[in-house]
Amino acid sequence: MPILWSWLRDGAHFHVCDDVTRMAEDVDRILRELVARHGGMGDEEAAAHVERMAAERRYVRDVY
């Protein structure tokens, strides 16, 4: 199991700061894929999980 998933599963915070046209979209997509794959979730469930992290301020995107 990837260490990033272990951290996120255990309540870690994840911050992305970058230009919206560059890395930010890719990071968001890959985060959802990681959650789906290693969290044993479908795409919709993983998206909801990432959205909950954002609502809890555990996933913060500072994009410009």
PDB file of N, CA and C in Angstrom:
ATOM      1  N   MET A   1       0.847  -1.179   0.000  1.00  0.00           N
ATOM      2  CA  MET A   1       0.000   0.000   0.000  1.00  0.00           C
ATOM      3  C   MET A   1       0.891   1.240   0.000  1.00  0.00           C
ATOM      4  N   PRO A   2       0.627   2.159  -0.911  1.00  0.00           N
ATOM      5  CA  PRO A   2       1.442   3.385  -0.956  1.00  0.00           C
ATOM      6  C   PRO A   2       1.334   4.182   0.334  1.00  0.00           C
ATOM      7  N   ILE A   3       2.428   4.772   0.695  1.00  0.00           N
ATOM      8  CA  ILE A   3       2.470   5.540   1.942  1.00  0.00           C
ATOM      9  C   ILE A   3       1.520   6.727   1.888  1.00  0.00           C
ATOM     10  N   LEU A   4       1.361   7.350   0.719  1.00  0.00           N
ATOM     11  CA  LEU A   4       0.450   8.492   0.621  1.00  0.00           C
ATOM     12  C   LEU A   4      -0.966   8.078   0.987  1.00  0.00           C
ATOM     13  N   TRP A   5      -1.426   6.935   0.488  1.00  0.00           N
ATOM     14  CA  TRP A   5      -2.776   6.471   0.830  1.00  0.00           C
ATOM     15  C   TRP A   5      -2.866   6.207   2.334  1.00  0.00           C
ATOM     16  N   SER A   6      -1.852   5.614   2.912  1.00  0.00           N
ATOM     17  CA  SER A   6      -1.864   5.358   4.359  1.00  0.00           C
ATOM     18  C   SER A   6      -2.020   6.655   5.132  1.00  0.00           C
ATOM     19  N   TRP A   7      -1.288   7.669   4.727  1.00  0.00           N
ATOM     20  CA  TRP A   7      -1.384   8.965   5.403  1.00  0.00           C
ATOM     21  C   TRP A   7      -2.777   9.554   5.248  1.00  0.00           C
ATOM     22  N   LEU A   8      -3.293   9.560   4.018  1.00  0.00           N
ATOM     23  CA  LEU A   8      -4.619  10.130   3.773  1.00  0.00           C
ATOM     24  C   LEU A   8      -5.697   9.370   4.533  1.00  0.00           C
ATOM     25  N   ARG A   9      -5.614   8.060   4.521  1.00  0.00           N
ATOM     26  CA  ARG A   9      -6.577   7.223   5.236  1.00  0.00           C
ATOM     27  C   ARG A   9      -6.580   7.544   6.727  1.00  0.00           C
ATOM     28  N   ASP A  10      -5.400   7.893   7.246  1.00  0.00           N
ATOM     29  CA  ASP A  10      -5.272   8.161   8.677  1.00  0.00           C
ATOM     30  C   ASP A  10      -5.484   9.629   9.049  1.00  0.00           C
ATOM     31  N   GLY A  11      -5.914  10.455   8.067  1.00  0.00           N
ATOM     32  CA  GLY A  11      -6.297  11.824   8.380  1.00  0.00           C
ATOM     33  C   GLY A  11      -5.334  12.916   7.967  1.00  0.00           C
ATOM     34  N   ALA A  12      -4.335  12.600   7.156  1.00  0.00           N
ATOM     35  CA  ALA A  12      -3.368  13.615   6.725  1.00  0.00           C
ATOM     36  C   ALA A  12      -4.045  14.698   5.891  1.00  0.00           C
ATOM     37  N   HIS A  13      -3.408  15.844   5.852  1.00  0.00           N
ATOM     38  CA  HIS A  13      -3.844  16.955   5.016  1.00  0.00           C
ATOM     39  C   HIS A  13      -2.984  16.973   3.753  1.00  0.00           C
ATOM     40  N   PHE A  14      -3.593  17.353   2.630  1.00  0.00           N
ATOM     41  CA  PHE A  14      -2.920  17.344   1.336  1.00  0.00           C
ATOM     42  C   PHE A  14      -3.147  18.697   0.682  1.00  0.00           C
ATOM     43  N   HIS A  15      -2.068  19.414   0.389  1.00  0.00           N
ATOM     44  CA  HIS A  15      -2.161  20.752  -0.188  1.00  0.00           C
ATOM     45  C   HIS A  15      -1.504  20.774  -1.568  1.00  0.00           C
ATOM     46  N   VAL A  16      -2.174  21.423  -2.521  1.00  0.00           N
ATOM     47  CA  VAL A  16      -1.644  21.592  -3.865  1.00  0.00           C
ATOM     48  C   VAL A  16      -1.584  23.084  -4.152  1.00  0.00           C
ATOM     49  N   CYS A  17      -0.431  23.546  -4.561  1.00  0.00           N
ATOM     50  CA  CYS A  17      -0.268  24.948  -4.913  1.00  0.00           C
ATOM     51  C   CYS A  17       0.445  24.998  -6.269  1.00  0.00           C
ATOM     52  N   ASP A  18      -0.290  25.493  -7.288  1.00  0.00           N
ATOM     53  CA  ASP A  18       0.302  25.558  -8.618  1.00  0.00           C
ATOM     54  C   ASP A  18      -0.637  26.305  -9.550  1.00  0.00           C
ATOM     55  N   ASP A  19      -0.163  26.518 -10.742  1.00  0.00           N
ATOM     56  CA  ASP A  19      -0.930  27.115 -11.820  1.00  0.00           C
ATOM     57  C   ASP A  19      -2.027  26.136 -12.238  1.00  0.00           C
ATOM     58  N   VAL A  20      -3.261  26.589 -12.308  1.00  0.00           N
ATOM     59  CA  VAL A  20      -4.382  25.712 -12.617  1.00  0.00           C
ATOM     60  C   VAL A  20      -4.225  25.031 -13.980  1.00  0.00           C
ATOM     61  N   THR A  21      -3.512  25.649 -14.901  1.00  0.00           N
ATOM     62  CA  THR A  21      -3.363  25.053 -16.229  1.00  0.00           C
ATOM     63  C   THR A  21      -2.232  24.046 -16.300  1.00  0.00           C
ATOM     64  N   ARG A  22      -1.487  23.916 -15.269  1.00  0.00           N
ATOM     65  CA  ARG A  22      -0.357  22.978 -15.278  1.00  0.00           C
ATOM     66  C   ARG A  22      -0.668  21.755 -14.440  1.00  0.00           C
ATOM     67  N   MET A  23      -0.059  21.657 -13.307  1.00  0.00           N
ATOM     68  CA  MET A  23      -0.066  20.449 -12.505  1.00  0.00           C
ATOM     69  C   MET A  23      -1.353  20.213 -11.708  1.00  0.00           C
ATOM     70  N   ALA A  24      -2.077  21.244 -11.310  1.00  0.00           N
ATOM     71  CA  ALA A  24      -3.199  21.092 -10.379  1.00  0.00           C
ATOM     72  C   ALA A  24      -4.254  20.095 -10.856  1.00  0.00           C
ATOM     73  N   GLU A  25      -4.649  20.150 -12.114  1.00  0.00           N
ATOM     74  CA  GLU A  25      -5.656  19.218 -12.618  1.00  0.00           C
ATOM     75  C   GLU A  25      -5.151  17.788 -12.610  1.00  0.00           C
ATOM     76  N   ASP A  26      -3.900  17.596 -12.975  1.00  0.00           N
ATOM     77  CA  ASP A  26      -3.319  16.250 -12.973  1.00  0.00           C
ATOM     78  C   ASP A  26      -3.242  15.691 -11.560  1.00  0.00           C
ATOM     79  N   VAL A  27      -2.852  16.521 -10.609  1.00  0.00           N
ATOM     80  CA  VAL A  27      -2.762  16.064  -9.214  1.00  0.00           C
ATOM     81  C   VAL A  27      -4.144  15.653  -8.733  1.00  0.00           C
ATOM     82  N   ASP A  28      -5.170  16.437  -9.029  1.00  0.00           N
ATOM     83  CA  ASP A  28      -6.527  16.108  -8.609  1.00  0.00           C
ATOM     84  C   ASP A  28      -6.974  14.773  -9.199  1.00  0.00           C
ATOM     85  N   ARG A  29      -6.722  14.568 -10.482  1.00  0.00           N
ATOM     86  CA  ARG A  29      -7.100  13.310 -11.145  1.00  0.00           C
ATOM     87  C   ARG A  29      -6.365  12.120 -10.532  1.00  0.00           C
ATOM     88  N   ILE A  30      -5.071  12.281 -10.326  1.00  0.00           N
ATOM     89  CA  ILE A  30      -4.273  11.180  -9.781  1.00  0.00           C
ATOM     90  C   ILE A  30      -4.649  10.889  -8.330  1.00  0.00           C
ATOM     91  N   LEU A  31      -4.986  11.932  -7.566  1.00  0.00           N
ATOM     92  CA  LEU A  31      -5.427  11.712  -6.186  1.00  0.00           C
ATOM     93  C   LEU A  31      -6.698  10.869  -6.166  1.00  0.00           C
ATOM     94  N   ARG A  32      -7.636  11.176  -7.040  1.00  0.00           N
ATOM     95  CA  ARG A  32      -8.879  10.387  -7.116  1.00  0.00           C
ATOM     96  C   ARG A  32      -8.590   8.949  -7.539  1.00  0.00           C
ATOM     97  N   GLU A  33      -7.669   8.766  -8.476  1.00  0.00           N
ATOM     98  CA  GLU A  33      -7.289   7.410  -8.900  1.00  0.00           C
ATOM     99  C   GLU A  33      -6.640   6.646  -7.757  1.00  0.00           C
ATOM    100  N   LEU A  34      -5.770   7.308  -7.010  1.00  0.00           N
ATOM    101  CA  LEU A  34      -5.097   6.666  -5.871  1.00  0.00           C
ATOM    102  C   LEU A  34      -6.113   6.235  -4.823  1.00  0.00           C
ATOM    103  N   VAL A  35      -7.057   7.127  -4.520  1.00  0.00           N
ATOM    104  CA  VAL A  35      -8.085   6.815  -3.523  1.00  0.00           C
ATOM    105  C   VAL A  35      -8.928   5.634  -4.005  1.00  0.00           C
ATOM    106  N   ALA A  36      -9.301   5.630  -5.282  1.00  0.00           N
ATOM    107  CA  ALA A  36     -10.106   4.531  -5.815  1.00  0.00           C
ATOM    108  C   ALA A  36      -9.350   3.209  -5.739  1.00  0.00           C
ATOM    109  N   ARG A  37      -8.139   3.214  -6.243  1.00  0.00           N
ATOM    110  CA  ARG A  37      -7.371   1.972  -6.323  1.00  0.00           C
ATOM    111  C   ARG A  37      -7.013   1.421  -4.952  1.00  0.00           C
ATOM    112  N   HIS A  38      -6.425   2.245  -4.114  1.00  0.00           N
ATOM    113  CA  HIS A  38      -5.893   1.733  -2.856  1.00  0.00           C
ATOM    114  C   HIS A  38      -6.902   1.787  -1.719  1.00  0.00           C
ATOM    115  N   GLY A  39      -7.979   2.533  -1.923  1.00  0.00           N
ATOM    116  CA  GLY A  39      -9.056   2.556  -0.941  1.00  0.00           C
ATOM    117  C   GLY A  39     -10.155   1.565  -1.267  1.00  0.00           C
ATOM    118  N   GLY A  40      -9.983   0.852  -2.386  1.00  0.00           N
ATOM    119  CA  GLY A  40     -10.962  -0.151  -2.781  1.00  0.00           C
ATOM    120  C   GLY A  40     -12.315   0.465  -3.120  1.00  0.00           C
ATOM    121  N   MET A  41     -12.303   1.628  -3.770  1.00  0.00           N
ATOM    122  CA  MET A  41     -13.544   2.342  -4.084  1.00  0.00           C
ATOM    123  C   MET A  41     -13.734   2.432  -5.583  1.00  0.00           C
ATOM    124  N   GLY A  42     -14.997   2.611  -5.974  1.00  0.00           N
ATOM    125  CA  GLY A  42     -15.309   2.923  -7.363  1.00  0.00           C
ATOM    126  C   GLY A  42     -15.005   4.392  -7.622  1.00  0.00           C
ATOM    127  N   ASP A  43     -15.100   4.775  -8.878  1.00  0.00           N
ATOM    128  CA  ASP A  43     -14.778   6.158  -9.251  1.00  0.00           C
ATOM    129  C   ASP A  43     -15.650   7.179  -8.525  1.00  0.00           C
ATOM    130  N   GLU A  44     -16.956   6.938  -8.473  1.00  0.00           N
ATOM    131  CA  GLU A  44     -17.861   7.887  -7.812  1.00  0.00           C
ATOM    132  C   GLU A  44     -17.602   7.967  -6.315  1.00  0.00           C
ATOM    133  N   GLU A  45     -17.360   6.829  -5.698  1.00  0.00           N
ATOM    134  CA  GLU A  45     -17.074   6.799  -4.260  1.00  0.00           C
ATOM    135  C   GLU A  45     -15.757   7.514  -3.962  1.00  0.00           C
ATOM    136  N   ALA A  46     -14.759   7.309  -4.806  1.00  0.00           N
ATOM    137  CA  ALA A  46     -13.467   7.982  -4.624  1.00  0.00           C
ATOM    138  C   ALA A  46     -13.622   9.485  -4.785  1.00  0.00           C
ATOM    139  N   ALA A  47     -14.397   9.911  -5.787  1.00  0.00           N
ATOM    140  CA  ALA A  47     -14.634  11.345  -5.990  1.00  0.00           C
ATOM    141  C   ALA A  47     -15.322  11.938  -4.767  1.00  0.00           C
ATOM    142  N   ALA A  48     -16.297  11.231  -4.219  1.00  0.00           N
ATOM    143  CA  ALA A  48     -16.993  11.705  -3.015  1.00  0.00           C
ATOM    144  C   ALA A  48     -16.032  11.779  -1.828  1.00  0.00           C
ATOM    145  N   HIS A  49     -15.126  10.813  -1.724  1.00  0.00           N
ATOM    146  CA  HIS A  49     -14.139  10.813  -0.642  1.00  0.00           C
ATOM    147  C   HIS A  49     -13.235  12.044  -0.738  1.00  0.00           C
ATOM    148  N   VAL A  50     -12.762  12.335  -1.945  1.00  0.00           N
ATOM    149  CA  VAL A  50     -11.896  13.502  -2.151  1.00  0.00           C
ATOM    150  C   VAL A  50     -12.676  14.786  -1.869  1.00  0.00           C
ATOM    151  N   GLU A  51     -13.942  14.832  -2.265  1.00  0.00           N
ATOM    152  CA  GLU A  51     -14.771  16.000  -1.973  1.00  0.00           C
ATOM    153  C   GLU A  51     -14.972  16.175  -0.468  1.00  0.00           C
ATOM    154  N   ARG A  52     -15.134  15.071   0.266  1.00  0.00           N
ATOM    155  CA  ARG A  52     -15.235  15.155   1.742  1.00  0.00           C
ATOM    156  C   ARG A  52     -13.939  15.689   2.334  1.00  0.00           C
ATOM    157  N   MET A  53     -12.807  15.218   1.792  1.00  0.00           N
ATOM    158  CA  MET A  53     -11.519  15.731   2.276  1.00  0.00           C
ATOM    159  C   MET A  53     -11.451  17.240   2.070  1.00  0.00           C
ATOM    160  N   ALA A  54     -11.926  17.710   0.914  1.00  0.00           N
ATOM    161  CA  ALA A  54     -11.920  19.153   0.638  1.00  0.00           C
ATOM    162  C   ALA A  54     -12.846  19.883   1.606  1.00  0.00           C
ATOM    163  N   ALA A  55     -14.027  19.338   1.855  1.00  0.00           N
ATOM    164  CA  ALA A  55     -14.981  19.965   2.776  1.00  0.00           C
ATOM    165  C   ALA A  55     -14.418  20.041   4.193  1.00  0.00           C
ATOM    166  N   GLU A  56     -13.616  19.053   4.555  1.00  0.00           N
ATOM    167  CA  GLU A  56     -12.979  19.013   5.881  1.00  0.00           C
ATOM    168  C   GLU A  56     -11.689  19.820   5.925  1.00  0.00           C
ATOM    169  N   ARG A  57     -11.360  20.470   4.803  1.00  0.00           N
ATOM    170  CA  ARG A  57     -10.122  21.256   4.671  1.00  0.00           C
ATOM    171  C   ARG A  57      -8.881  20.379   4.805  1.00  0.00           C
ATOM    172  N   ARG A  58      -9.007  19.104   4.440  1.00  0.00           N
ATOM    173  CA  ARG A  58      -7.867  18.182   4.436  1.00  0.00           C
ATOM    174  C   ARG A  58      -7.243  18.102   3.050  1.00  0.00           C
ATOM    175  N   TYR A  59      -7.978  18.571   2.046  1.00  0.00           N
ATOM    176  CA  TYR A  59      -7.460  18.652   0.676  1.00  0.00           C
ATOM    177  C   TYR A  59      -7.698  20.080   0.234  1.00  0.00           C
ATOM    178  N   VAL A  60      -6.609  20.823   0.133  1.00  0.00           N
ATOM    179  CA  VAL A  60      -6.679  22.249  -0.188  1.00  0.00           C
ATOM    180  C   VAL A  60      -5.951  22.493  -1.487  1.00  0.00           C
ATOM    181  N   ARG A  61      -6.633  23.171  -2.399  1.00  0.00           N
ATOM    182  CA  ARG A  61      -6.038  23.532  -3.689  1.00  0.00           C
ATOM    183  C   ARG A  61      -5.853  25.042  -3.728  1.00  0.00           C
ATOM    184  N   ASP A  62      -4.620  25.479  -3.745  1.00  0.00           N
ATOM    185  CA  ASP A  62      -4.295  26.892  -3.898  1.00  0.00           C
ATOM    186  C   ASP A  62      -3.796  27.059  -5.325  1.00  0.00           C
ATOM    187  N   VAL A  63      -4.747  27.235  -6.237  1.00  0.00           N
ATOM    188  CA  VAL A  63      -4.398  27.316  -7.655  1.00  0.00           C
ATOM    189  C   VAL A  63      -4.730  28.693  -8.182  1.00  0.00           C
ATOM    190  N   TYR A  64      -3.951  29.131  -9.096  1.00  0.00           N
ATOM    191  CA  TYR A  64      -4.117  30.479  -9.647  1.00  0.00           C
ATOM    192  C   TYR A  64      -4.065  30.462 -11.152  1.00  0.00           C
TER     193      TYR A  64
END
